[in-house]
Amino acid sequence: MLDDQERKLLRVLYNYFARQRRMPDWRELSAMTYRSVEELVHILTALENKNYIYWDNKEDLGTLVMIEGWERQTRQPRTAVSRSENASYWTQY
């Protein structure tokens, strides 16, 4: 599960690439997110460790490749509802 900064940066990168067909440079990304380059590098490294992006050349954002543009959803197991529980509403009232 991503923390708030990671999730927001992932969405910014995904949406920017979808519109511009290129990754932003450091100046653009810093202006869009209001974060310093050092903070961005830290967040991008965390995203790479969690396999959301692949970033070969750490100095150039143009080499960044999106693996997943959305946060992975964890599936919650559904509880089985027996038919007798469903019928109790109609039979008891």
N, C-alpha and C. Protein backbone atom coordinates (compact mmCIF):
# COMPACT_ATOMS: atom_id res chain seq x y z
N MET A 1 0.83 -1.16 0.00
CA MET A 1 0.00 0.00 0.00
C MET A 1 0.89 1.24 0.00
N LEU A 2 0.53 2.20 -0.83
CA LEU A 2 1.33 3.41 -0.96
C LEU A 2 0.93 4.45 0.07
N ASP A 3 1.93 5.21 0.50
CA ASP A 3 1.56 6.34 1.35
C ASP A 3 1.07 7.49 0.46
N ASP A 4 0.62 8.55 1.06
CA ASP A 4 -0.05 9.62 0.34
C ASP A 4 0.86 10.29 -0.70
N GLN A 5 2.10 10.59 -0.34
CA GLN A 5 3.03 11.24 -1.26
C GLN A 5 3.33 10.36 -2.47
N GLU A 6 3.54 9.07 -2.23
CA GLU A 6 3.84 8.15 -3.33
C GLU A 6 2.66 8.02 -4.28
N ARG A 7 1.47 7.90 -3.72
CA ARG A 7 0.27 7.75 -4.53
C ARG A 7 0.04 9.00 -5.39
N LYS A 8 0.19 10.17 -4.79
CA LYS A 8 -0.01 11.41 -5.53
C LYS A 8 1.02 11.60 -6.64
N LEU A 9 2.28 11.30 -6.35
CA LEU A 9 3.32 11.44 -7.37
C LEU A 9 3.11 10.45 -8.51
N LEU A 10 2.69 9.24 -8.19
CA LEU A 10 2.40 8.25 -9.21
C LEU A 10 1.29 8.73 -10.13
N ARG A 11 0.24 9.31 -9.57
CA ARG A 11 -0.88 9.84 -10.36
C ARG A 11 -0.44 11.04 -11.21
N VAL A 12 0.40 11.91 -10.66
CA VAL A 12 0.90 13.06 -11.43
C VAL A 12 1.70 12.57 -12.63
N LEU A 13 2.60 11.62 -12.41
CA LEU A 13 3.41 11.09 -13.51
C LEU A 13 2.54 10.42 -14.57
N TYR A 14 1.59 9.63 -14.13
CA TYR A 14 0.71 8.92 -15.07
C TYR A 14 -0.10 9.91 -15.91
N ASN A 15 -0.72 10.88 -15.26
CA ASN A 15 -1.54 11.85 -15.98
C ASN A 15 -0.72 12.75 -16.89
N TYR A 16 0.47 13.13 -16.45
CA TYR A 16 1.33 13.96 -17.29
C TYR A 16 1.74 13.20 -18.55
N PHE A 17 2.13 11.95 -18.36
CA PHE A 17 2.54 11.15 -19.52
C PHE A 17 1.37 10.90 -20.47
N ALA A 18 0.18 10.70 -19.92
CA ALA A 18 -1.00 10.46 -20.76
C ALA A 18 -1.32 11.68 -21.64
N ARG A 19 -1.10 12.86 -21.12
CA ARG A 19 -1.41 14.08 -21.89
C ARG A 19 -0.26 14.52 -22.80
N GLN A 20 0.95 14.47 -22.30
CA GLN A 20 2.10 15.03 -23.02
C GLN A 20 2.90 14.00 -23.81
N ARG A 21 2.68 12.72 -23.55
CA ARG A 21 3.42 11.63 -24.19
C ARG A 21 4.93 11.69 -23.94
N ARG A 22 5.26 12.24 -22.79
CA ARG A 22 6.66 12.26 -22.33
C ARG A 22 6.64 12.46 -20.82
N MET A 23 7.74 12.14 -20.18
CA MET A 23 7.86 12.37 -18.75
C MET A 23 8.30 13.80 -18.51
N PRO A 24 7.88 14.41 -17.41
CA PRO A 24 8.29 15.79 -17.12
C PRO A 24 9.77 15.85 -16.74
N ASP A 25 10.35 17.02 -16.88
CA ASP A 25 11.71 17.18 -16.37
C ASP A 25 11.63 17.58 -14.90
N TRP A 26 12.79 17.71 -14.26
CA TRP A 26 12.82 17.98 -12.83
C TRP A 26 12.11 19.28 -12.46
N ARG A 27 12.32 20.32 -13.27
CA ARG A 27 11.72 21.62 -12.99
C ARG A 27 10.21 21.55 -13.06
N GLU A 28 9.69 20.89 -14.10
CA GLU A 28 8.24 20.75 -14.25
C GLU A 28 7.63 19.93 -13.11
N LEU A 29 8.27 18.82 -12.78
CA LEU A 29 7.74 17.96 -11.73
C LEU A 29 7.77 18.65 -10.37
N SER A 30 8.83 19.39 -10.12
CA SER A 30 8.93 20.13 -8.87
C SER A 30 7.86 21.21 -8.79
N ALA A 31 7.57 21.87 -9.90
CA ALA A 31 6.55 22.91 -9.91
C ALA A 31 5.15 22.32 -9.74
N MET A 32 4.90 21.15 -10.31
CA MET A 32 3.58 20.53 -10.22
C MET A 32 3.29 19.98 -8.82
N THR A 33 4.32 19.48 -8.15
CA THR A 33 4.12 18.81 -6.87
C THR A 33 4.50 19.66 -5.66
N TYR A 34 5.15 20.81 -5.91
CA TYR A 34 5.63 21.67 -4.82
C TYR A 34 6.61 20.93 -3.91
N ARG A 35 7.42 20.08 -4.48
CA ARG A 35 8.42 19.31 -3.73
C ARG A 35 9.81 19.63 -4.28
N SER A 36 10.81 19.50 -3.45
CA SER A 36 12.18 19.70 -3.91
C SER A 36 12.64 18.45 -4.67
N VAL A 37 13.74 18.60 -5.37
CA VAL A 37 14.27 17.48 -6.16
C VAL A 37 14.68 16.34 -5.23
N GLU A 38 15.23 16.66 -4.07
CA GLU A 38 15.64 15.62 -3.13
C GLU A 38 14.45 14.81 -2.63
N GLU A 39 13.35 15.51 -2.33
CA GLU A 39 12.13 14.80 -1.90
C GLU A 39 11.59 13.93 -3.02
N LEU A 40 11.62 14.45 -4.24
CA LEU A 40 11.13 13.68 -5.39
C LEU A 40 11.96 12.43 -5.63
N VAL A 41 13.27 12.55 -5.49
CA VAL A 41 14.14 11.38 -5.67
C VAL A 41 13.82 10.33 -4.62
N HIS A 42 13.61 10.76 -3.39
CA HIS A 42 13.27 9.82 -2.31
C HIS A 42 11.95 9.09 -2.60
N ILE A 43 10.94 9.82 -3.04
CA ILE A 43 9.63 9.23 -3.33
C ILE A 43 9.72 8.31 -4.55
N LEU A 44 10.45 8.74 -5.58
CA LEU A 44 10.60 7.91 -6.78
C LEU A 44 11.36 6.61 -6.48
N THR A 45 12.34 6.69 -5.61
CA THR A 45 13.08 5.49 -5.21
C THR A 45 12.16 4.52 -4.48
N ALA A 46 11.30 5.05 -3.63
CA ALA A 46 10.34 4.19 -2.93
C ALA A 46 9.37 3.54 -3.92
N LEU A 47 8.93 4.30 -4.93
CA LEU A 47 8.04 3.72 -5.95
C LEU A 47 8.74 2.64 -6.76
N GLU A 48 10.03 2.85 -7.02
CA GLU A 48 10.79 1.84 -7.76
C GLU A 48 10.97 0.58 -6.92
N ASN A 49 11.20 0.74 -5.63
CA ASN A 49 11.36 -0.43 -4.75
C ASN A 49 10.07 -1.23 -4.65
N LYS A 50 8.92 -0.56 -4.81
CA LYS A 50 7.63 -1.24 -4.74
C LYS A 50 7.15 -1.70 -6.12
N ASN A 51 8.00 -1.56 -7.13
CA ASN A 51 7.76 -2.01 -8.51
C ASN A 51 6.56 -1.32 -9.17
N TYR A 52 6.41 -0.02 -8.94
CA TYR A 52 5.42 0.75 -9.67
C TYR A 52 6.05 1.44 -10.87
N ILE A 53 7.36 1.72 -10.78
CA ILE A 53 8.08 2.33 -11.88
C ILE A 53 9.41 1.61 -12.06
N TYR A 54 10.02 1.80 -13.25
CA TYR A 54 11.38 1.34 -13.49
C TYR A 54 12.17 2.58 -13.89
N TRP A 55 13.26 2.84 -13.18
CA TRP A 55 14.01 4.07 -13.39
C TRP A 55 15.48 3.72 -13.54
N ASP A 56 15.94 3.65 -14.78
CA ASP A 56 17.29 3.20 -15.08
C ASP A 56 18.33 4.27 -14.74
N ASN A 57 18.21 5.43 -15.35
CA ASN A 57 19.15 6.52 -15.13
C ASN A 57 18.56 7.47 -14.10
N LYS A 58 19.09 7.46 -12.90
CA LYS A 58 18.51 8.22 -11.79
C LYS A 58 18.61 9.74 -11.97
N GLU A 59 19.39 10.22 -12.92
CA GLU A 59 19.52 11.65 -13.11
C GLU A 59 18.56 12.20 -14.16
N ASP A 60 17.98 11.33 -14.97
CA ASP A 60 17.12 11.76 -16.06
C ASP A 60 15.72 11.16 -15.88
N LEU A 61 14.72 12.01 -15.75
CA LEU A 61 13.35 11.51 -15.62
C LEU A 61 12.80 10.96 -16.93
N GLY A 62 13.45 11.28 -18.04
CA GLY A 62 13.01 10.77 -19.34
C GLY A 62 13.16 9.26 -19.46
N THR A 63 14.02 8.67 -18.64
CA THR A 63 14.21 7.22 -18.69
C THR A 63 13.26 6.47 -17.78
N LEU A 64 12.42 7.19 -17.05
CA LEU A 64 11.48 6.57 -16.13
C LEU A 64 10.38 5.86 -16.91
N VAL A 65 10.09 4.62 -16.53
CA VAL A 65 9.06 3.82 -17.20
C VAL A 65 8.00 3.46 -16.17
N MET A 66 6.75 3.72 -16.51
CA MET A 66 5.63 3.39 -15.62
C MET A 66 5.30 1.90 -15.78
N ILE A 67 5.31 1.17 -14.69
CA ILE A 67 4.87 -0.23 -14.71
C ILE A 67 3.39 -0.28 -14.39
N GLU A 68 2.99 0.43 -13.35
CA GLU A 68 1.57 0.54 -12.98
C GLU A 68 1.28 1.99 -12.66
N GLY A 69 0.17 2.48 -13.19
CA GLY A 69 -0.20 3.86 -12.96
C GLY A 69 -1.19 4.06 -11.83
N TRP A 70 -1.66 2.97 -11.26
CA TRP A 70 -2.65 3.03 -10.18
C TRP A 70 -2.15 2.21 -9.01
N GLU A 71 -2.61 2.56 -7.85
CA GLU A 71 -2.26 1.78 -6.67
C GLU A 71 -2.92 0.41 -6.74
N ARG A 72 -2.20 -0.60 -6.37
CA ARG A 72 -2.74 -1.96 -6.39
C ARG A 72 -3.82 -2.10 -5.33
N GLN A 73 -4.90 -2.72 -5.70
CA GLN A 73 -5.99 -2.94 -4.76
C GLN A 73 -5.83 -4.30 -4.11
N THR A 74 -5.99 -4.33 -2.81
CA THR A 74 -5.98 -5.61 -2.12
C THR A 74 -7.41 -6.10 -2.05
N ARG A 75 -7.63 -7.30 -2.47
CA ARG A 75 -8.98 -7.86 -2.47
C ARG A 75 -9.35 -8.33 -1.07
N GLN A 76 -10.51 -7.90 -0.64
CA GLN A 76 -11.02 -8.33 0.64
C GLN A 76 -11.91 -9.55 0.41
N PRO A 77 -11.70 -10.61 1.16
CA PRO A 77 -12.57 -11.78 0.97
C PRO A 77 -14.00 -11.47 1.38
N ARG A 78 -14.92 -11.89 0.56
CA ARG A 78 -16.33 -11.69 0.88
C ARG A 78 -16.81 -12.78 1.82
N THR A 79 -17.67 -12.40 2.71
CA THR A 79 -18.24 -13.40 3.59
C THR A 79 -19.46 -14.00 2.91
N ALA A 80 -19.57 -15.29 3.04
CA ALA A 80 -20.70 -15.97 2.42
C ALA A 80 -21.97 -15.72 3.24
N VAL A 81 -23.04 -15.41 2.56
CA VAL A 81 -24.32 -15.20 3.21
C VAL A 81 -25.21 -16.39 2.87
N SER A 82 -25.66 -17.03 3.91
CA SER A 82 -26.50 -18.19 3.65
C SER A 82 -27.90 -17.74 3.24
N ARG A 83 -28.59 -18.57 2.56
CA ARG A 83 -29.92 -18.23 2.08
C ARG A 83 -30.91 -18.05 3.23
N SER A 84 -30.70 -18.74 4.33
CA SER A 84 -31.62 -18.59 5.45
C SER A 84 -31.54 -17.19 6.05
N GLU A 85 -30.33 -16.56 6.02
CA GLU A 85 -30.18 -15.19 6.52
C GLU A 85 -30.91 -14.21 5.62
N ASN A 86 -30.90 -14.45 4.33
CA ASN A 86 -31.60 -13.57 3.40
C ASN A 86 -33.10 -13.67 3.57
N ALA A 87 -33.60 -14.83 3.84
CA ALA A 87 -35.03 -15.03 3.94
C ALA A 87 -35.58 -14.55 5.28
N SER A 88 -34.74 -14.41 6.28
CA SER A 88 -35.25 -14.03 7.60
C SER A 88 -35.88 -12.63 7.59
N TYR A 89 -35.42 -11.76 6.76
CA TYR A 89 -36.02 -10.43 6.70
C TYR A 89 -37.49 -10.52 6.28
N TRP A 90 -37.77 -11.36 5.31
CA TRP A 90 -39.12 -11.47 4.78
C TRP A 90 -40.03 -12.31 5.67
N THR A 91 -39.46 -13.23 6.41
CA THR A 91 -40.30 -14.12 7.20
C THR A 91 -40.51 -13.65 8.65
N GLN A 92 -39.62 -12.80 9.17
CA GLN A 92 -39.74 -12.39 10.56
C GLN A 92 -40.50 -11.09 10.74
N TYR A 93 -40.70 -10.31 9.71
CA TYR A 93 -41.34 -8.99 9.87
C TYR A 93 -42.67 -8.94 9.18
